[in-house]
PDB file of N, CA and C in Angstrom:
ATOM      1  N   MET A   1      -7.390  36.696  -3.387  1.00  0.00           N
ATOM      2  CA  MET A   1      -6.793  35.465  -2.941  1.00  0.00           C
ATOM      3  C   MET A   1      -6.266  35.690  -1.526  1.00  0.00           C
ATOM      4  N   THR A   2      -6.711  34.847  -0.604  1.00  0.00           N
ATOM      5  CA  THR A   2      -6.311  34.947   0.784  1.00  0.00           C
ATOM      6  C   THR A   2      -5.259  33.911   1.107  1.00  0.00           C
ATOM      7  N   ALA A   3      -4.272  34.319   1.870  1.00  0.00           N
ATOM      8  CA  ALA A   3      -3.226  33.395   2.293  1.00  0.00           C
ATOM      9  C   ALA A   3      -3.511  32.913   3.699  1.00  0.00           C
ATOM     10  N   GLY A   4      -2.893  31.816   4.044  1.00  0.00           N
ATOM     11  CA  GLY A   4      -3.053  31.272   5.374  1.00  0.00           C
ATOM     12  C   GLY A   4      -1.923  30.326   5.702  1.00  0.00           C
ATOM     13  N   ILE A   5      -2.029  29.747   6.876  1.00  0.00           N
ATOM     14  CA  ILE A   5      -1.043  28.788   7.350  1.00  0.00           C
ATOM     15  C   ILE A   5      -1.759  27.479   7.616  1.00  0.00           C
ATOM     16  N   ALA A   6      -1.222  26.408   7.077  1.00  0.00           N
ATOM     17  CA  ALA A   6      -1.747  25.068   7.332  1.00  0.00           C
ATOM     18  C   ALA A   6      -0.756  24.347   8.230  1.00  0.00           C
ATOM     19  N   ALA A   7      -1.255  23.821   9.337  1.00  0.00           N
ATOM     20  CA  ALA A   7      -0.427  23.045  10.256  1.00  0.00           C
ATOM     21  C   ALA A   7      -0.910  21.608  10.226  1.00  0.00           C
ATOM     22  N   ILE A   8      -0.006  20.690   9.946  1.00  0.00           N
ATOM     23  CA  ILE A   8      -0.342  19.276   9.854  1.00  0.00           C
ATOM     24  C   ILE A   8       0.329  18.566  11.019  1.00  0.00           C
ATOM     25  N   THR A   9      -0.468  17.857  11.799  1.00  0.00           N
ATOM     26  CA  THR A   9       0.092  17.088  12.900  1.00  0.00           C
ATOM     27  C   THR A   9      -0.160  15.607  12.664  1.00  0.00           C
ATOM     28  N   VAL A  10       0.828  14.813  13.042  1.00  0.00           N
ATOM     29  CA  VAL A  10       0.774  13.365  12.874  1.00  0.00           C
ATOM     30  C   VAL A  10       1.196  12.752  14.198  1.00  0.00           C
ATOM     31  N   ASP A  11       0.367  11.875  14.741  1.00  0.00           N
ATOM     32  CA  ASP A  11       0.768  11.143  15.935  1.00  0.00           C
ATOM     33  C   ASP A  11       1.717  10.050  15.482  1.00  0.00           C
ATOM     34  N   GLY A  12       2.973  10.318  15.606  1.00  0.00           N
ATOM     35  CA  GLY A  12       3.957   9.349  15.125  1.00  0.00           C
ATOM     36  C   GLY A  12       5.355   9.851  15.372  1.00  0.00           C
ATOM     37  N   SER A  13       6.253   9.328  14.649  1.00  0.00           N
ATOM     38  CA  SER A  13       7.661   9.652  14.858  1.00  0.00           C
ATOM     39  C   SER A  13       8.063  10.943  14.157  1.00  0.00           C
ATOM     40  N   ALA A  14       9.173  11.479  14.610  1.00  0.00           N
ATOM     41  CA  ALA A  14       9.741  12.661  13.966  1.00  0.00           C
ATOM     42  C   ALA A  14      10.146  12.343  12.533  1.00  0.00           C
ATOM     43  N   ASP A  15      10.486  11.076  12.270  1.00  0.00           N
ATOM     44  CA  ASP A  15      10.851  10.677  10.908  1.00  0.00           C
ATOM     45  C   ASP A  15       9.683  10.854   9.948  1.00  0.00           C
ATOM     46  N   GLU A  16       8.462  10.538  10.413  1.00  0.00           N
ATOM     47  CA  GLU A  16       7.288  10.717   9.555  1.00  0.00           C
ATOM     48  C   GLU A  16       7.073  12.183   9.234  1.00  0.00           C
ATOM     49  N   LEU A  17       7.242  13.048  10.226  1.00  0.00           N
ATOM     50  CA  LEU A  17       7.078  14.486   9.996  1.00  0.00           C
ATOM     51  C   LEU A  17       8.135  14.998   9.023  1.00  0.00           C
ATOM     52  N   GLN A  18       9.362  14.537   9.177  1.00  0.00           N
ATOM     53  CA  GLN A  18      10.432  14.948   8.263  1.00  0.00           C
ATOM     54  C   GLN A  18      10.130  14.485   6.844  1.00  0.00           C
ATOM     55  N   HIS A  19       9.637  13.265   6.707  1.00  0.00           N
ATOM     56  CA  HIS A  19       9.286  12.738   5.389  1.00  0.00           C
ATOM     57  C   HIS A  19       8.158  13.571   4.771  1.00  0.00           C
ATOM     58  N   LEU A  20       7.146  13.902   5.576  1.00  0.00           N
ATOM     59  CA  LEU A  20       6.040  14.723   5.079  1.00  0.00           C
ATOM     60  C   LEU A  20       6.528  16.099   4.635  1.00  0.00           C
ATOM     61  N   ALA A  21       7.378  16.736   5.435  1.00  0.00           N
ATOM     62  CA  ALA A  21       7.899  18.060   5.068  1.00  0.00           C
ATOM     63  C   ALA A  21       8.684  17.991   3.759  1.00  0.00           C
ATOM     64  N   SER A  22       9.489  16.951   3.605  1.00  0.00           N
ATOM     65  CA  SER A  22      10.252  16.775   2.358  1.00  0.00           C
ATOM     66  C   SER A  22       9.323  16.521   1.183  1.00  0.00           C
ATOM     67  N   TRP A  23       8.313  15.694   1.402  1.00  0.00           N
ATOM     68  CA  TRP A  23       7.335  15.356   0.358  1.00  0.00           C
ATOM     69  C   TRP A  23       6.628  16.614  -0.138  1.00  0.00           C
ATOM     70  N   LEU A  24       6.102  17.415   0.792  1.00  0.00           N
ATOM     71  CA  LEU A  24       5.377  18.634   0.406  1.00  0.00           C
ATOM     72  C   LEU A  24       6.316  19.657  -0.225  1.00  0.00           C
ATOM     73  N   GLY A  25       7.512  19.793   0.328  1.00  0.00           N
ATOM     74  CA  GLY A  25       8.478  20.766  -0.184  1.00  0.00           C
ATOM     75  C   GLY A  25       8.981  20.450  -1.577  1.00  0.00           C
ATOM     76  N   ALA A  26       8.796  19.203  -2.011  1.00  0.00           N
ATOM     77  CA  ALA A  26       9.221  18.818  -3.363  1.00  0.00           C
ATOM     78  C   ALA A  26       8.275  19.354  -4.435  1.00  0.00           C
ATOM     79  N   GLU A  27       7.100  19.814  -4.045  1.00  0.00           N
ATOM     80  CA  GLU A  27       6.154  20.403  -4.997  1.00  0.00           C
ATOM     81  C   GLU A  27       6.638  21.801  -5.375  1.00  0.00           C
ATOM     82  N   ASP A  28       6.745  22.075  -6.669  1.00  0.00           N
ATOM     83  CA  ASP A  28       7.218  23.388  -7.124  1.00  0.00           C
ATOM     84  C   ASP A  28       6.424  24.531  -6.503  1.00  0.00           C
ATOM     85  N   GLU A  29       5.113  24.385  -6.455  1.00  0.00           N
ATOM     86  CA  GLU A  29       4.247  25.460  -5.957  1.00  0.00           C
ATOM     87  C   GLU A  29       4.371  25.669  -4.445  1.00  0.00           C
ATOM     88  N   LEU A  30       4.901  24.678  -3.734  1.00  0.00           N
ATOM     89  CA  LEU A  30       5.043  24.779  -2.281  1.00  0.00           C
ATOM     90  C   LEU A  30       6.499  24.972  -1.840  1.00  0.00           C
ATOM     91  N   ALA A  31       7.429  24.911  -2.791  1.00  0.00           N
ATOM     92  CA  ALA A  31       8.853  25.048  -2.462  1.00  0.00           C
ATOM     93  C   ALA A  31       9.104  26.346  -1.706  1.00  0.00           C
ATOM     94  N   GLY A  32       9.829  26.242  -0.605  1.00  0.00           N
ATOM     95  CA  GLY A  32      10.139  27.411   0.215  1.00  0.00           C
ATOM     96  C   GLY A  32       9.009  27.818   1.148  1.00  0.00           C
ATOM     97  N   ARG A  33       7.902  27.114   1.115  1.00  0.00           N
ATOM     98  CA  ARG A  33       6.748  27.454   1.961  1.00  0.00           C
ATOM     99  C   ARG A  33       6.480  26.402   3.033  1.00  0.00           C
ATOM    100  N   VAL A  34       7.343  25.403   3.123  1.00  0.00           N
ATOM    101  CA  VAL A  34       7.133  24.281   4.040  1.00  0.00           C
ATOM    102  C   VAL A  34       8.245  24.286   5.071  1.00  0.00           C
ATOM    103  N   ARG A  35       7.872  24.103   6.345  1.00  0.00           N
ATOM    104  CA  ARG A  35       8.914  23.962   7.359  1.00  0.00           C
ATOM    105  C   ARG A  35       8.458  22.974   8.419  1.00  0.00           C
ATOM    106  N   LEU A  36       9.401  22.297   8.969  1.00  0.00           N
ATOM    107  CA  LEU A  36       9.164  21.368  10.051  1.00  0.00           C
ATOM    108  C   LEU A  36       9.189  22.176  11.335  1.00  0.00           C
ATOM    109  N   ALA A  37       8.054  22.210  12.033  1.00  0.00           N
ATOM    110  CA  ALA A  37       7.948  23.031  13.234  1.00  0.00           C
ATOM    111  C   ALA A  37       8.280  22.245  14.496  1.00  0.00           C
ATOM    112  N   GLY A  38       8.490  20.960  14.389  1.00  0.00           N
ATOM    113  CA  GLY A  38       8.833  20.142  15.546  1.00  0.00           C
ATOM    114  C   GLY A  38       7.778  19.097  15.816  1.00  0.00           C
ATOM    115  N   PRO A  39       8.103  18.128  16.661  1.00  0.00           N
ATOM    116  CA  PRO A  39       7.202  17.002  16.920  1.00  0.00           C
ATOM    117  C   PRO A  39       5.836  17.425  17.463  1.00  0.00           C
ATOM    118  N   GLU A  40       5.796  18.454  18.279  1.00  0.00           N
ATOM    119  CA  GLU A  40       4.531  18.908  18.856  1.00  0.00           C
ATOM    120  C   GLU A  40       3.710  19.717  17.861  1.00  0.00           C
ATOM    121  N   SER A  41       4.379  20.504  17.037  1.00  0.00           N
ATOM    122  CA  SER A  41       3.693  21.413  16.120  1.00  0.00           C
ATOM    123  C   SER A  41       3.516  20.856  14.717  1.00  0.00           C
ATOM    124  N   GLY A  42       4.264  19.835  14.372  1.00  0.00           N
ATOM    125  CA  GLY A  42       4.112  19.203  13.065  1.00  0.00           C
ATOM    126  C   GLY A  42       4.794  19.950  11.943  1.00  0.00           C
ATOM    127  N   VAL A  43       4.129  19.938  10.792  1.00  0.00           N
ATOM    128  CA  VAL A  43       4.632  20.576   9.581  1.00  0.00           C
ATOM    129  C   VAL A  43       3.752  21.789   9.287  1.00  0.00           C
ATOM    130  N   VAL A  44       4.367  22.911   8.987  1.00  0.00           N
ATOM    131  CA  VAL A  44       3.644  24.150   8.711  1.00  0.00           C
ATOM    132  C   VAL A  44       3.886  24.535   7.256  1.00  0.00           C
ATOM    133  N   VAL A  45       2.793  24.899   6.563  1.00  0.00           N
ATOM    134  CA  VAL A  45       2.863  25.246   5.147  1.00  0.00           C
ATOM    135  C   VAL A  45       2.110  26.554   4.921  1.00  0.00           C
ATOM    136  N   MET A  46       2.728  27.482   4.229  1.00  0.00           N
ATOM    137  CA  MET A  46       2.032  28.706   3.819  1.00  0.00           C
ATOM    138  C   MET A  46       1.213  28.361   2.574  1.00  0.00           C
ATOM    139  N   VAL A  47      -0.098  28.568   2.643  1.00  0.00           N
ATOM    140  CA  VAL A  47      -0.974  28.221   1.523  1.00  0.00           C
ATOM    141  C   VAL A  47      -1.850  29.411   1.160  1.00  0.00           C
ATOM    142  N   SER A  48      -2.365  29.358  -0.053  1.00  0.00           N
ATOM    143  CA  SER A  48      -3.354  30.326  -0.522  1.00  0.00           C
ATOM    144  C   SER A  48      -4.458  29.524  -1.195  1.00  0.00           C
ATOM    145  N   SER A  49      -5.542  30.191  -1.546  1.00  0.00           N
ATOM    146  CA  SER A  49      -6.600  29.465  -2.243  1.00  0.00           C
ATOM    147  C   SER A  49      -6.073  28.915  -3.573  1.00  0.00           C
ATOM    148  N   ARG A  50      -5.069  29.561  -4.159  1.00  0.00           N
ATOM    149  CA  ARG A  50      -4.490  29.098  -5.417  1.00  0.00           C
ATOM    150  C   ARG A  50      -3.614  27.854  -5.206  1.00  0.00           C
ATOM    151  N   SER A  51      -2.815  27.831  -4.152  1.00  0.00           N
ATOM    152  CA  SER A  51      -1.926  26.688  -3.912  1.00  0.00           C
ATOM    153  C   SER A  51      -2.586  25.575  -3.105  1.00  0.00           C
ATOM    154  N   ALA A  52      -3.813  25.785  -2.671  1.00  0.00           N
ATOM    155  CA  ALA A  52      -4.514  24.784  -1.850  1.00  0.00           C
ATOM    156  C   ALA A  52      -4.683  23.459  -2.584  1.00  0.00           C
ATOM    157  N   GLY A  53      -4.916  23.498  -3.887  1.00  0.00           N
ATOM    158  CA  GLY A  53      -5.085  22.269  -4.660  1.00  0.00           C
ATOM    159  C   GLY A  53      -3.818  21.430  -4.651  1.00  0.00           C
ATOM    160  N   THR A  54      -2.691  22.070  -4.910  1.00  0.00           N
ATOM    161  CA  THR A  54      -1.410  21.358  -4.885  1.00  0.00           C
ATOM    162  C   THR A  54      -1.135  20.819  -3.495  1.00  0.00           C
ATOM    163  N   PHE A  55      -1.382  21.650  -2.493  1.00  0.00           N
ATOM    164  CA  PHE A  55      -1.145  21.241  -1.112  1.00  0.00           C
ATOM    165  C   PHE A  55      -1.987  20.013  -0.738  1.00  0.00           C
ATOM    166  N   CYS A  56      -3.294  20.075  -0.955  1.00  0.00           N
ATOM    167  CA  CYS A  56      -4.187  18.970  -0.566  1.00  0.00           C
ATOM    168  C   CYS A  56      -3.878  17.698  -1.350  1.00  0.00           C
ATOM    169  N   ARG A  57      -3.665  17.830  -2.644  1.00  0.00           N
ATOM    170  CA  ARG A  57      -3.376  16.628  -3.440  1.00  0.00           C
ATOM    171  C   ARG A  57      -2.050  15.988  -3.032  1.00  0.00           C
ATOM    172  N   SER A  58      -1.062  16.807  -2.704  1.00  0.00           N
ATOM    173  CA  SER A  58       0.219  16.277  -2.266  1.00  0.00           C
ATOM    174  C   SER A  58       0.089  15.627  -0.892  1.00  0.00           C
ATOM    175  N   LEU A  59      -0.633  16.266   0.017  1.00  0.00           N
ATOM    176  CA  LEU A  59      -0.851  15.701   1.347  1.00  0.00           C
ATOM    177  C   LEU A  59      -1.537  14.345   1.249  1.00  0.00           C
ATOM    178  N   PHE A  60      -2.579  14.253   0.425  1.00  0.00           N
ATOM    179  CA  PHE A  60      -3.299  12.989   0.302  1.00  0.00           C
ATOM    180  C   PHE A  60      -2.507  11.952  -0.482  1.00  0.00           C
ATOM    181  N   GLY A  61      -1.626  12.394  -1.379  1.00  0.00           N
ATOM    182  CA  GLY A  61      -0.719  11.459  -2.035  1.00  0.00           C
ATOM    183  C   GLY A  61       0.216  10.830  -1.018  1.00  0.00           C
ATOM    184  N   TRP A  62       0.700  11.634  -0.093  1.00  0.00           N
ATOM    185  CA  TRP A  62       1.556  11.123   0.984  1.00  0.00           C
ATOM    186  C   TRP A  62       0.773  10.163   1.875  1.00  0.00           C
ATOM    187  N   LEU A  63      -0.471  10.525   2.195  1.00  0.00           N
ATOM    188  CA  LEU A  63      -1.301   9.658   3.038  1.00  0.00           C
ATOM    189  C   LEU A  63      -1.539   8.299   2.386  1.00  0.00           C
ATOM    190  N   ARG A  64      -1.791   8.296   1.084  1.00  0.00           N
ATOM    191  CA  ARG A  64      -2.050   7.032   0.382  1.00  0.00           C
ATOM    192  C   ARG A  64      -0.820   6.133   0.371  1.00  0.00           C
ATOM    193  N   ARG A  65       0.361   6.716   0.403  1.00  0.00           N
ATOM    194  CA  ARG A  65       1.589   5.929   0.378  1.00  0.00           C
ATOM    195  C   ARG A  65       1.979   5.406   1.759  1.00  0.00           C
ATOM    196  N   ARG A  66       1.383   5.982   2.788  1.00  0.00           N
ATOM    197  CA  ARG A  66       1.601   5.463   4.146  1.00  0.00           C
ATOM    198  C   ARG A  66       0.673   4.279   4.330  1.00  0.00           C
ATOM    199  N   TYR A  67       1.117   3.278   4.975  1.00  0.00           N
ATOM    200  CA  TYR A  67       0.292   2.084   5.110  1.00  0.00           C
ATOM    201  C   TYR A  67      -0.701   2.236   6.247  1.00  0.00           C
ATOM    202  N   ASP A  68      -0.330   1.903   7.449  1.00  0.00           N
ATOM    203  CA  ASP A  68      -1.241   1.986   8.586  1.00  0.00           C
ATOM    204  C   ASP A  68      -0.768   3.017   9.594  1.00  0.00           C
ATOM    205  N   GLY A  69      -0.385   4.153   9.101  1.00  0.00           N
ATOM    206  CA  GLY A  69       0.095   5.198   9.993  1.00  0.00           C
ATOM    207  C   GLY A  69      -1.028   5.794  10.812  1.00  0.00           C
ATOM    208  N   PRO A  70      -0.671   6.570  11.805  1.00  0.00           N
ATOM    209  CA  PRO A  70      -1.675   7.209  12.660  1.00  0.00           C
ATOM    210  C   PRO A  70      -2.439   8.294  11.902  1.00  0.00           C
ATOM    211  N   PRO A  71      -3.607   8.673  12.418  1.00  0.00           N
ATOM    212  CA  PRO A  71      -4.397   9.721  11.765  1.00  0.00           C
ATOM    213  C   PRO A  71      -3.623  11.044  11.657  1.00  0.00           C
ATOM    214  N   VAL A  72      -4.014  11.822  10.679  1.00  0.00           N
ATOM    215  CA  VAL A  72      -3.392  13.116  10.423  1.00  0.00           C
ATOM    216  C   VAL A  72      -4.447  14.209  10.603  1.00  0.00           C
ATOM    217  N   SER A  73      -4.070  15.260  11.337  1.00  0.00           N
ATOM    218  CA  SER A  73      -4.973  16.392  11.536  1.00  0.00           C
ATOM    219  C   SER A  73      -4.421  17.609  10.817  1.00  0.00           C
ATOM    220  N   LEU A  74      -5.319  18.406  10.283  1.00  0.00           N
ATOM    221  CA  LEU A  74      -4.966  19.603   9.532  1.00  0.00           C
ATOM    222  C   LEU A  74      -5.700  20.789  10.146  1.00  0.00           C
ATOM    223  N   THR A  75      -4.962  21.841  10.477  1.00  0.00           N
ATOM    224  CA  THR A  75      -5.553  23.085  10.970  1.00  0.00           C
ATOM    225  C   THR A  75      -5.111  24.200  10.042  1.00  0.00           C
ATOM    226  N   VAL A  76      -6.077  24.973   9.545  1.00  0.00           N
ATOM    227  CA  VAL A  76      -5.783  26.085   8.641  1.00  0.00           C
ATOM    228  C   VAL A  76      -6.236  27.370   9.310  1.00  0.00           C
ATOM    229  N   LYS A  77      -5.386  28.377   9.264  1.00  0.00           N
ATOM    230  CA  LYS A  77      -5.716  29.695   9.811  1.00  0.00           C
ATOM    231  C   LYS A  77      -5.447  30.738   8.739  1.00  0.00           C
ATOM    232  N   ARG A  78      -6.448  31.579   8.473  1.00  0.00           N
ATOM    233  CA  ARG A  78      -6.277  32.678   7.511  1.00  0.00           C
ATOM    234  C   ARG A  78      -5.397  33.760   8.113  1.00  0.00           C
ATOM    235  N   SER A  79      -4.614  34.396   7.269  1.00  0.00           N
ATOM    236  CA  SER A  79      -3.779  35.508   7.711  1.00  0.00           C
ATOM    237  C   SER A  79      -4.651  36.606   8.302  1.00  0.00           C
ATOM    238  N   GLY A  80      -4.306  37.037   9.501  1.00  0.00           N
ATOM    239  CA  GLY A  80      -5.019  38.137  10.141  1.00  0.00           C
ATOM    240  C   GLY A  80      -6.354  37.762  10.738  1.00  0.00           C
ATOM    241  N   ALA A  81      -6.723  36.514  10.733  1.00  0.00           N
ATOM    242  CA  ALA A  81      -8.023  36.086  11.259  1.00  0.00           C
ATOM    243  C   ALA A  81      -7.828  35.273  12.532  1.00  0.00           C
ATOM    244  N   VAL A  82      -8.880  35.220  13.322  1.00  0.00           N
ATOM    245  CA  VAL A  82      -8.854  34.457  14.559  1.00  0.00           C
ATOM    246  C   VAL A  82      -9.366  33.036  14.331  1.00  0.00           C
ATOM    247  N   GLU A  83     -10.306  32.880  13.403  1.00  0.00           N
ATOM    248  CA  GLU A  83     -10.922  31.576  13.165  1.00  0.00           C
ATOM    249  C   GLU A  83      -9.936  30.581  12.580  1.00  0.00           C
ATOM    250  N   GLU A  84     -10.190  29.310  12.892  1.00  0.00           N
ATOM    251  CA  GLU A  84      -9.389  28.223  12.334  1.00  0.00           C
ATOM    252  C   GLU A  84     -10.316  27.163  11.770  1.00  0.00           C
ATOM    253  N   LEU A  85      -9.827  26.466  10.790  1.00  0.00           N
ATOM    254  CA  LEU A  85     -10.526  25.316  10.219  1.00  0.00           C
ATOM    255  C   LEU A  85      -9.759  24.079  10.640  1.00  0.00           C
ATOM    256  N   ASP A  86     -10.451  23.158  11.318  1.00  0.00           N
ATOM    257  CA  ASP A  86      -9.840  21.900  11.735  1.00  0.00           C
ATOM    258  C   ASP A  86     -10.439  20.769  10.922  1.00  0.00           C
ATOM    259  N   VAL A  87      -9.564  19.956  10.326  1.00  0.00           N
ATOM    260  CA  VAL A  87      -9.998  18.842   9.492  1.00  0.00           C
ATOM    261  C   VAL A  87      -9.231  17.598   9.921  1.00  0.00           C
ATOM    262  N   ASP A  88      -9.957  16.510  10.144  1.00  0.00           N
ATOM    263  CA  ASP A  88      -9.302  15.231  10.409  1.00  0.00           C
ATOM    264  C   ASP A  88      -9.152  14.528   9.068  1.00  0.00           C
ATOM    265  N   CYS A  89      -7.929  14.356   8.633  1.00  0.00           N
ATOM    266  CA  CYS A  89      -7.679  13.715   7.342  1.00  0.00           C
ATOM    267  C   CYS A  89      -7.685  12.202   7.449  1.00  0.00           C
ATOM    268  N   GLY A  90      -7.783  11.692   8.648  1.00  0.00           N
ATOM    269  CA  GLY A  90      -7.795  10.253   8.826  1.00  0.00           C
ATOM    270  C   GLY A  90      -6.593   9.624   8.158  1.00  0.00           C
ATOM    271  N   ARG A  91      -6.840   8.576   7.452  1.00  0.00           N
ATOM    272  CA  ARG A  91      -5.756   7.892   6.753  1.00  0.00           C
ATOM    273  C   ARG A  91      -5.915   8.035   5.243  1.00  0.00           C
ATOM    274  N   GLY A  92      -6.697   8.983   4.798  1.00  0.00           N
ATOM    275  CA  GLY A  92      -6.854   9.185   3.362  1.00  0.00           C
ATOM    276  C   GLY A  92      -8.273   9.490   2.969  1.00  0.00           C
ATOM    277  N   SER A  93      -8.960  10.290   3.785  1.00  0.00           N
ATOM    278  CA  SER A  93     -10.335  10.651   3.456  1.00  0.00           C
ATOM    279  C   SER A  93     -10.387  11.448   2.160  1.00  0.00           C
ATOM    280  N   ASP A  94     -11.525  11.864   1.762  1.00  0.00           N
ATOM    281  CA  ASP A  94     -11.780  12.461   0.450  1.00  0.00           C
ATOM    282  C   ASP A  94     -11.026  13.773   0.227  1.00  0.00           C
ATOM    283  N   VAL A  95     -10.067  13.757  -0.669  1.00  0.00           N
ATOM    284  CA  VAL A  95      -9.256  14.940  -0.960  1.00  0.00           C
ATOM    285  C   VAL A  95     -10.109  16.070  -1.517  1.00  0.00           C
ATOM    286  N   ASP A  96     -11.083  15.780  -2.354  1.00  0.00           N
ATOM    287  CA  ASP A  96     -11.909  16.841  -2.945  1.00  0.00           C
ATOM    288  C   ASP A  96     -12.725  17.568  -1.888  1.00  0.00           C
ATOM    289  N   GLN A  97     -13.227  16.835  -0.912  1.00  0.00           N
ATOM    290  CA  GLN A  97     -14.001  17.446   0.172  1.00  0.00           C
ATOM    291  C   GLN A  97     -13.106  18.335   1.027  1.00  0.00           C
ATOM    292  N   VAL A  98     -11.922  17.853   1.365  1.00  0.00           N
ATOM    293  CA  VAL A  98     -10.990  18.651   2.163  1.00  0.00           C
ATOM    294  C   VAL A  98     -10.535  19.875   1.381  1.00  0.00           C
ATOM    295  N   LEU A  99     -10.237  19.704   0.104  1.00  0.00           N
ATOM    296  CA  LEU A  99      -9.818  20.832  -0.733  1.00  0.00           C
ATOM    297  C   LEU A  99     -10.907  21.902  -0.795  1.00  0.00           C
ATOM    298  N   ALA A 100     -12.157  21.503  -0.984  1.00  0.00           N
ATOM    299  CA  ALA A 100     -13.263  22.461  -1.025  1.00  0.00           C
ATOM    300  C   ALA A 100     -13.384  23.199   0.304  1.00  0.00           C
ATOM    301  N   SER A 101     -13.211  22.493   1.406  1.00  0.00           N
ATOM    302  CA  SER A 101     -13.278  23.129   2.735  1.00  0.00           C
ATOM    303  C   SER A 101     -12.150  24.138   2.922  1.00  0.00           C
ATOM    304  N   VAL A 102     -10.941  23.754   2.530  1.00  0.00           N
ATOM    305  CA  VAL A 102      -9.788  24.642   2.699  1.00  0.00           C
ATOM    306  C   VAL A 102      -9.940  25.881   1.810  1.00  0.00           C
ATOM    307  N   ARG A 103     -10.276  25.685   0.550  1.00  0.00           N
ATOM    308  CA  ARG A 103     -10.449  26.842  -0.356  1.00  0.00           C
ATOM    309  C   ARG A 103     -11.570  27.755   0.126  1.00  0.00           C
ATOM    310  N   GLY A 104     -12.694  27.170   0.507  1.00  0.00           N
ATOM    311  CA  GLY A 104     -13.817  27.968   0.997  1.00  0.00           C
ATOM    312  C   GLY A 104     -13.437  28.763   2.231  1.00  0.00           C
ATOM    313  N   PHE A 105     -12.687  28.153   3.133  1.00  0.00           N
ATOM    314  CA  PHE A 105     -12.260  28.828   4.349  1.00  0.00           C
ATOM    315  C   PHE A 105     -11.291  29.966   4.025  1.00  0.00           C
ATOM    316  N   LEU A 106     -10.330  29.713   3.154  1.00  0.00           N
ATOM    317  CA  LEU A 106      -9.356  30.752   2.805  1.00  0.00           C
ATOM    318  C   LEU A 106      -9.995  31.918   2.071  1.00  0.00           C
ATOM    319  N   ASP A 107     -11.041  31.664   1.313  1.00  0.00           N
ATOM    320  CA  ASP A 107     -11.678  32.725   0.522  1.00  0.00           C
ATOM    321  C   ASP A 107     -12.736  33.516   1.288  1.00  0.00           C
ATOM    322  N   GLN A 108     -12.999  33.165   2.540  1.00  0.00           N
ATOM    323  CA  GLN A 108     -13.959  33.938   3.337  1.00  0.00           C
ATOM    324  C   GLN A 108     -13.436  35.337   3.579  1.00  0.00           C
ATOM    325  N   ASP A 109     -14.360  36.274   3.675  1.00  0.00           N
ATOM    326  CA  ASP A 109     -13.949  37.663   3.968  1.00  0.00           C
ATOM    327  C   ASP A 109     -13.748  37.874   5.436  1.00  0.00           C
TER     328      ASP A 109
END
């Protein structure tokens, strides 16, 4: 199981980022792994291939509850690796597709 860092950026207010950080941090599996990095850096979450399902489903649950908010971008970086995975989550694109991409990326050697 490989760990990584997921950075979520939202073109919007600091209030939206704070709400997202609180939303994700309320998940038992993500508790203590979420921090607000600031308006420029967004929300940062420590994830693994095991917690990726909870992370993606919670992120998309938050997206579905937002009405016409700005697009959301997700960047995942594996621990100790140079490569990054960039995903545009739009306003609620397919959670299963994003989850498969994140898990596949984290599980690469």
